[in-house]
C-alpha cells in the first residue's frame, strides 16, 4: 500500500495520552506540515499557538466545560457532566489554530477550509511519527466567548477556530477503522457516457 495512503487509513483520534511532553523537534516537524498546506490564493491565513503549560491547559478545559454545560445541545451538556471529562484529554501539547479575518473583496471562499487543510496535514505528519492526535471542535464555545487569545500571542486580526491535542499514545491505536459509507463517489466520463455510482 502506498505509504501516504497507509498513514491516512491507520490514523485514529486518540483520547488517552502519556504525560510525557513531545520532543520540540518532533513538534516543529508537525508544524512544518501545517505550514505547507495548500490555501486559496496562497493566503496562508493560519496562525498556530502551541500550548504546553499543564496549568493553562487545565484552566482552558475547565472554562470550556463550563460553557458546554450551558449548551442548547443535549449531547454537549451530557459530555460536560461526564466525571473526569477533559476537553483536551489531558494531552501534553495543544495547538490552537486561528484563521485570519476574511476579506469579502478577496474572493476567498473560506479561510476555515485552508486552516482545516493545515490541521489535516499536521494530523498525518504526527501519525507518521506514531504521535497521537485529536481534532477538537468543542473549544469553539470558548473561542466564541470572552476568551482573550491575544494575551497568549494570537495576532490581531486572527480568530481561533479549532484546537488539536497532541501526545504520545498511551495505547496502540485500533488497527481497523469503521467501514466507509457506500455510494459516495460518482464517476462521469468517456467510459460510459453518463453517471455511474461506485
C-alpha atoms as a PDB file:
ATOM      1  CA  UNK A   1       0.000   0.000   0.000  1.00  0.00           C
ATOM      2  CA  UNK A   2       1.206   3.490  -0.763  1.00  0.00           C
ATOM      3  CA  UNK A   3       2.889   4.928   2.348  1.00  0.00           C
ATOM      4  CA  UNK A   4       0.817   8.137   2.479  1.00  0.00           C
ATOM      5  CA  UNK A   5      -2.434   6.242   1.980  1.00  0.00           C
ATOM      6  CA  UNK A   6      -1.424   3.818   4.726  1.00  0.00           C
ATOM      7  CA  UNK A   7      -0.938   6.714   7.175  1.00  0.00           C
ATOM      8  CA  UNK A   8      -4.332   8.150   6.168  1.00  0.00           C
ATOM      9  CA  UNK A   9      -6.074   4.819   6.697  1.00  0.00           C
ATOM     10  CA  UNK A  10      -4.433   3.962  10.009  1.00  0.00           C
ATOM     11  CA  UNK A  11      -4.743   7.359  11.739  1.00  0.00           C
ATOM     12  CA  UNK A  12      -7.313   7.411  14.565  1.00  0.00           C
ATOM     13  CA  UNK A  13      -8.385  10.068  17.049  1.00  0.00           C
ATOM     14  CA  UNK A  14      -6.554   9.431  20.321  1.00  0.00           C
ATOM     15  CA  UNK A  15      -8.057  10.289  23.705  1.00  0.00           C
ATOM     16  CA  UNK A  16      -5.529   8.656  26.026  1.00  0.00           C
ATOM     17  CA  UNK A  17      -2.051  10.166  26.121  1.00  0.00           C
ATOM     18  CA  UNK A  18       1.115   9.582  28.083  1.00  0.00           C
ATOM     19  CA  UNK A  19       2.037  12.536  30.327  1.00  0.00           C
ATOM     20  CA  UNK A  20       5.469  12.936  28.685  1.00  0.00           C
ATOM     21  CA  UNK A  21       5.929  16.132  26.720  1.00  0.00           C
ATOM     22  CA  UNK A  22       6.529  15.777  22.980  1.00  0.00           C
ATOM     23  CA  UNK A  23      10.054  16.476  21.812  1.00  0.00           C
ATOM     24  CA  UNK A  24      10.408  20.037  20.496  1.00  0.00           C
ATOM     25  CA  UNK A  25      11.962  18.857  17.230  1.00  0.00           C
ATOM     26  CA  UNK A  26       9.064  16.483  16.611  1.00  0.00           C
ATOM     27  CA  UNK A  27       6.547  19.280  17.195  1.00  0.00           C
ATOM     28  CA  UNK A  28       8.435  21.507  14.761  1.00  0.00           C
ATOM     29  CA  UNK A  29       8.143  18.793  12.095  1.00  0.00           C
ATOM     30  CA  UNK A  30       4.400  18.569  12.742  1.00  0.00           C
ATOM     31  CA  UNK A  31       4.027  22.349  12.495  1.00  0.00           C
ATOM     32  CA  UNK A  32       6.038  22.347   9.271  1.00  0.00           C
ATOM     33  CA  UNK A  33       3.431  20.034   7.789  1.00  0.00           C
ATOM     34  CA  UNK A  34       0.729  22.550   8.680  1.00  0.00           C
ATOM     35  CA  UNK A  35       2.674  25.449   7.222  1.00  0.00           C
ATOM     36  CA  UNK A  36       2.947  23.652   3.881  1.00  0.00           C
ATOM     37  CA  UNK A  37      -0.784  23.076   3.469  1.00  0.00           C
ATOM     38  CA  UNK A  38      -2.494  24.442   0.346  1.00  0.00           C
ATOM     39  CA  UNK A  39      -4.528  27.644   0.638  1.00  0.00           C
ATOM     40  CA  UNK A  40      -6.668  29.687  -1.716  1.00  0.00           C
ATOM     41  CA  UNK A  41      -4.634  32.424  -3.452  1.00  0.00           C
ATOM     42  CA  UNK A  42      -1.708  31.207  -1.323  1.00  0.00           C
ATOM     43  CA  UNK A  43      -3.197  33.279   1.514  1.00  0.00           C
ATOM     44  CA  UNK A  44      -1.698  31.039   4.234  1.00  0.00           C
ATOM     45  CA  UNK A  45      -4.311  32.515   6.592  1.00  0.00           C
ATOM     46  CA  UNK A  46      -3.411  30.496   9.672  1.00  0.00           C
ATOM     47  CA  UNK A  47      -1.714  31.054  12.991  1.00  0.00           C
ATOM     48  CA  UNK A  48      -0.658  28.222  15.289  1.00  0.00           C
ATOM     49  CA  UNK A  49      -0.488  28.809  19.049  1.00  0.00           C
ATOM     50  CA  UNK A  50       1.383  25.942  20.725  1.00  0.00           C
ATOM     51  CA  UNK A  51       0.313  25.437  24.358  1.00  0.00           C
ATOM     52  CA  UNK A  52       2.484  23.216  26.547  1.00  0.00           C
ATOM     53  CA  UNK A  53       1.649  24.534  30.021  1.00  0.00           C
ATOM     54  CA  UNK A  54      -0.325  21.980  32.060  1.00  0.00           C
ATOM     55  CA  UNK A  55      -1.974  24.506  34.385  1.00  0.00           C
ATOM     56  CA  UNK A  56      -3.085  26.671  31.459  1.00  0.00           C
ATOM     57  CA  UNK A  57      -4.487  23.703  29.545  1.00  0.00           C
ATOM     58  CA  UNK A  58      -6.410  22.529  32.599  1.00  0.00           C
ATOM     59  CA  UNK A  59      -7.827  26.031  33.085  1.00  0.00           C
ATOM     60  CA  UNK A  60      -8.913  26.280  29.434  1.00  0.00           C
ATOM     61  CA  UNK A  61     -10.503  22.835  29.705  1.00  0.00           C
ATOM     62  CA  UNK A  62     -12.460  23.847  32.827  1.00  0.00           C
ATOM     63  CA  UNK A  63     -13.680  27.051  31.185  1.00  0.00           C
ATOM     64  CA  UNK A  64     -14.715  25.190  28.035  1.00  0.00           C
ATOM     65  CA  UNK A  65     -16.557  22.569  30.069  1.00  0.00           C
ATOM     66  CA  UNK A  66     -18.470  25.260  31.987  1.00  0.00           C
ATOM     67  CA  UNK A  67     -19.662  26.759  28.701  1.00  0.00           C
ATOM     68  CA  UNK A  68     -20.514  23.303  27.314  1.00  0.00           C
ATOM     69  CA  UNK A  69     -22.754  22.740  30.342  1.00  0.00           C
ATOM     70  CA  UNK A  70     -24.893  25.669  29.128  1.00  0.00           C
ATOM     71  CA  UNK A  71     -25.131  24.437  25.520  1.00  0.00           C
ATOM     72  CA  UNK A  72     -28.544  24.052  23.863  1.00  0.00           C
ATOM     73  CA  UNK A  73     -27.307  20.669  22.547  1.00  0.00           C
ATOM     74  CA  UNK A  74     -28.136  17.836  24.923  1.00  0.00           C
ATOM     75  CA  UNK A  75     -25.172  15.653  23.959  1.00  0.00           C
ATOM     76  CA  UNK A  76     -22.769  18.544  24.637  1.00  0.00           C
ATOM     77  CA  UNK A  77     -24.287  19.111  28.092  1.00  0.00           C
ATOM     78  CA  UNK A  78     -24.059  15.385  28.851  1.00  0.00           C
ATOM     79  CA  UNK A  79     -20.416  15.286  27.797  1.00  0.00           C
ATOM     80  CA  UNK A  80     -19.628  18.273  30.021  1.00  0.00           C
ATOM     81  CA  UNK A  81     -21.147  16.489  33.023  1.00  0.00           C
ATOM     82  CA  UNK A  82     -19.205  13.265  32.500  1.00  0.00           C
ATOM     83  CA  UNK A  83     -16.977  12.572  35.557  1.00  0.00           C
ATOM     84  CA  UNK A  84     -13.309  13.166  34.790  1.00  0.00           C
ATOM     85  CA  UNK A  85     -14.027  14.711  31.392  1.00  0.00           C
ATOM     86  CA  UNK A  86     -11.242  16.899  29.998  1.00  0.00           C
ATOM     87  CA  UNK A  87     -11.806  18.515  26.594  1.00  0.00           C
ATOM     88  CA  UNK A  88      -8.098  18.109  25.675  1.00  0.00           C
ATOM     89  CA  UNK A  89      -7.993  14.554  27.052  1.00  0.00           C
ATOM     90  CA  UNK A  90      -5.033  15.675  29.195  1.00  0.00           C
ATOM     91  CA  UNK A  91      -2.746  15.846  26.182  1.00  0.00           C
ATOM     92  CA  UNK A  92       0.619  17.480  26.944  1.00  0.00           C
ATOM     93  CA  UNK A  93       0.511  19.751  23.867  1.00  0.00           C
ATOM     94  CA  UNK A  94      -2.415  21.554  22.276  1.00  0.00           C
ATOM     95  CA  UNK A  95      -2.266  23.702  19.154  1.00  0.00           C
ATOM     96  CA  UNK A  96      -4.889  26.413  18.807  1.00  0.00           C
ATOM     97  CA  UNK A  97      -5.443  27.104  15.110  1.00  0.00           C
ATOM     98  CA  UNK A  98      -6.586  30.625  14.287  1.00  0.00           C
ATOM     99  CA  UNK A  99      -7.871  31.986  10.998  1.00  0.00           C
ATOM    100  CA  UNK A 100      -7.127  35.366   9.547  1.00  0.00           C
ATOM    101  CA  UNK A 101     -10.224  37.560   9.307  1.00  0.00           C
ATOM    102  CA  UNK A 102     -11.777  37.069   5.889  1.00  0.00           C
ATOM    103  CA  UNK A 103     -11.923  39.933   3.423  1.00  0.00           C
ATOM    104  CA  UNK A 104     -15.071  39.671   1.277  1.00  0.00           C
ATOM    105  CA  UNK A 105     -13.299  41.565  -1.518  1.00  0.00           C
ATOM    106  CA  UNK A 106     -10.515  38.976  -1.749  1.00  0.00           C
ATOM    107  CA  UNK A 107     -12.629  36.347  -3.469  1.00  0.00           C
ATOM    108  CA  UNK A 108     -11.502  33.716  -0.964  1.00  0.00           C
ATOM    109  CA  UNK A 109     -14.384  31.395  -0.149  1.00  0.00           C
ATOM    110  CA  UNK A 110     -13.304  30.292   3.323  1.00  0.00           C
ATOM    111  CA  UNK A 111     -10.131  30.654   5.321  1.00  0.00           C
ATOM    112  CA  UNK A 112     -11.548  27.997   7.670  1.00  0.00           C
ATOM    113  CA  UNK A 113     -11.154  25.461   4.851  1.00  0.00           C
ATOM    114  CA  UNK A 114      -7.487  26.424   4.468  1.00  0.00           C
ATOM    115  CA  UNK A 115      -6.935  26.076   8.217  1.00  0.00           C
ATOM    116  CA  UNK A 116      -8.626  22.667   8.113  1.00  0.00           C
ATOM    117  CA  UNK A 117      -6.203  21.566   5.388  1.00  0.00           C
ATOM    118  CA  UNK A 118      -3.324  22.659   7.634  1.00  0.00           C
ATOM    119  CA  UNK A 119      -4.777  20.668  10.538  1.00  0.00           C
ATOM    120  CA  UNK A 120      -5.138  17.549   8.398  1.00  0.00           C
ATOM    121  CA  UNK A 121      -1.506  17.850   7.348  1.00  0.00           C
ATOM    122  CA  UNK A 122      -0.433  18.065  10.995  1.00  0.00           C
ATOM    123  CA  UNK A 123      -2.578  15.058  11.946  1.00  0.00           C
ATOM    124  CA  UNK A 124      -0.952  12.957   9.229  1.00  0.00           C
ATOM    125  CA  UNK A 125       2.608  14.058   9.986  1.00  0.00           C
ATOM    126  CA  UNK A 126       2.003  13.234  13.649  1.00  0.00           C
ATOM    127  CA  UNK A 127       0.605   9.812  12.791  1.00  0.00           C
ATOM    128  CA  UNK A 128       3.627   9.073  10.608  1.00  0.00           C
ATOM    129  CA  UNK A 129       5.691   9.604  13.786  1.00  0.00           C
ATOM    130  CA  UNK A 130       3.317   7.496  15.929  1.00  0.00           C
ATOM    131  CA  UNK A 131       2.180  10.591  17.837  1.00  0.00           C
ATOM    132  CA  UNK A 132      -1.476  10.630  18.821  1.00  0.00           C
ATOM    133  CA  UNK A 133      -3.835  13.457  17.883  1.00  0.00           C
ATOM    134  CA  UNK A 134      -7.412  14.544  18.388  1.00  0.00           C
ATOM    135  CA  UNK A 135      -9.020  17.382  16.397  1.00  0.00           C
ATOM    136  CA  UNK A 136     -11.213  19.246  18.884  1.00  0.00           C
ATOM    137  CA  UNK A 137     -14.107  21.390  17.721  1.00  0.00           C
ATOM    138  CA  UNK A 138     -15.765  21.831  21.112  1.00  0.00           C
ATOM    139  CA  UNK A 139     -13.342  24.564  22.134  1.00  0.00           C
ATOM    140  CA  UNK A 140     -15.268  26.799  19.721  1.00  0.00           C
ATOM    141  CA  UNK A 141     -17.621  27.590  22.617  1.00  0.00           C
ATOM    142  CA  UNK A 142     -14.650  29.083  24.473  1.00  0.00           C
ATOM    143  CA  UNK A 143     -13.172  30.834  21.458  1.00  0.00           C
ATOM    144  CA  UNK A 144     -16.516  32.481  20.686  1.00  0.00           C
ATOM    145  CA  UNK A 145     -16.882  33.741  24.266  1.00  0.00           C
ATOM    146  CA  UNK A 146     -14.891  36.406  26.056  1.00  0.00           C
ATOM    147  CA  UNK A 147     -11.640  34.419  25.906  1.00  0.00           C
ATOM    148  CA  UNK A 148      -8.659  36.660  25.213  1.00  0.00           C
ATOM    149  CA  UNK A 149      -6.346  34.798  22.880  1.00  0.00           C
ATOM    150  CA  UNK A 150      -4.264  37.925  22.260  1.00  0.00           C
ATOM    151  CA  UNK A 151      -2.806  37.628  25.753  1.00  0.00           C
ATOM    152  CA  UNK A 152      -1.316  34.291  24.684  1.00  0.00           C
ATOM    153  CA  UNK A 153       0.123  35.595  21.429  1.00  0.00           C
ATOM    154  CA  UNK A 154      -2.621  35.234  18.833  1.00  0.00           C
ATOM    155  CA  UNK A 155      -2.057  38.201  16.486  1.00  0.00           C
ATOM    156  CA  UNK A 156      -4.596  40.923  15.970  1.00  0.00           C
ATOM    157  CA  UNK A 157      -6.930  40.138  13.080  1.00  0.00           C
ATOM    158  CA  UNK A 158      -6.969  36.385  13.754  1.00  0.00           C
ATOM    159  CA  UNK A 159      -9.717  34.355  15.408  1.00  0.00           C
ATOM    160  CA  UNK A 160      -9.214  30.882  16.921  1.00  0.00           C
ATOM    161  CA  UNK A 161     -11.444  28.279  15.314  1.00  0.00           C
ATOM    162  CA  UNK A 162     -10.124  24.829  16.281  1.00  0.00           C
ATOM    163  CA  UNK A 163      -7.718  23.146  18.633  1.00  0.00           C
ATOM    164  CA  UNK A 164      -5.783  19.913  18.236  1.00  0.00           C
ATOM    165  CA  UNK A 165      -4.449  17.723  21.046  1.00  0.00           C
ATOM    166  CA  UNK A 166      -1.062  16.035  20.576  1.00  0.00           C
ATOM    167  CA  UNK A 167       0.756  13.467  22.688  1.00  0.00           C
ATOM    168  CA  UNK A 168       2.451  10.116  22.762  1.00  0.00           C
ATOM    169  CA  UNK A 169      -0.169   7.374  22.634  1.00  0.00           C
ATOM    170  CA  UNK A 170      -0.982   5.648  25.918  1.00  0.00           C
ATOM    171  CA  UNK A 171      -2.086   2.568  23.999  1.00  0.00           C
ATOM    172  CA  UNK A 172      -1.874   1.394  20.375  1.00  0.00           C
ATOM    173  CA  UNK A 173      -4.481   2.762  18.001  1.00  0.00           C
ATOM    174  CA  UNK A 174      -7.194   0.431  16.748  1.00  0.00           C
ATOM    175  CA  UNK A 175      -5.869  -1.463  13.747  1.00  0.00           C
ATOM    176  CA  UNK A 176      -9.069  -1.137  11.766  1.00  0.00           C
ATOM    177  CA  UNK A 177     -11.312   1.878  11.439  1.00  0.00           C
ATOM    178  CA  UNK A 178     -15.046   1.966  10.775  1.00  0.00           C
ATOM    179  CA  UNK A 179     -16.210   0.906   7.344  1.00  0.00           C
ATOM    180  CA  UNK A 180     -16.518   3.688   4.781  1.00  0.00           C
ATOM    181  CA  UNK A 181     -20.019   4.645   3.638  1.00  0.00           C
ATOM    182  CA  UNK A 182     -21.009   3.379   0.208  1.00  0.00           C
ATOM    183  CA  UNK A 183     -22.330   5.368  -2.770  1.00  0.00           C
ATOM    184  CA  UNK A 184     -20.276   8.468  -2.013  1.00  0.00           C
ATOM    185  CA  UNK A 185     -18.491   8.616  -5.389  1.00  0.00           C
ATOM    186  CA  UNK A 186     -19.989   9.269  -8.822  1.00  0.00           C
ATOM    187  CA  UNK A 187     -17.949   8.715 -11.995  1.00  0.00           C
ATOM    188  CA  UNK A 188     -18.902  10.606 -15.123  1.00  0.00           C
ATOM    189  CA  UNK A 189     -16.864  10.426 -18.270  1.00  0.00           C
ATOM    190  CA  UNK A 190     -15.990   8.899 -21.561  1.00  0.00           C
ATOM    191  CA  UNK A 191     -16.096   5.347 -20.215  1.00  0.00           C
ATOM    192  CA  UNK A 192     -19.873   5.151 -20.059  1.00  0.00           C
ATOM    193  CA  UNK A 193     -21.246   8.447 -21.320  1.00  0.00           C
ATOM    194  CA  UNK A 194     -23.127   9.101 -18.110  1.00  0.00           C
ATOM    195  CA  UNK A 195     -23.019   8.939 -14.348  1.00  0.00           C
ATOM    196  CA  UNK A 196     -22.175   5.689 -12.643  1.00  0.00           C
ATOM    197  CA  UNK A 197     -22.005   5.209  -8.893  1.00  0.00           C
ATOM    198  CA  UNK A 198     -19.080   3.461  -7.304  1.00  0.00           C
END
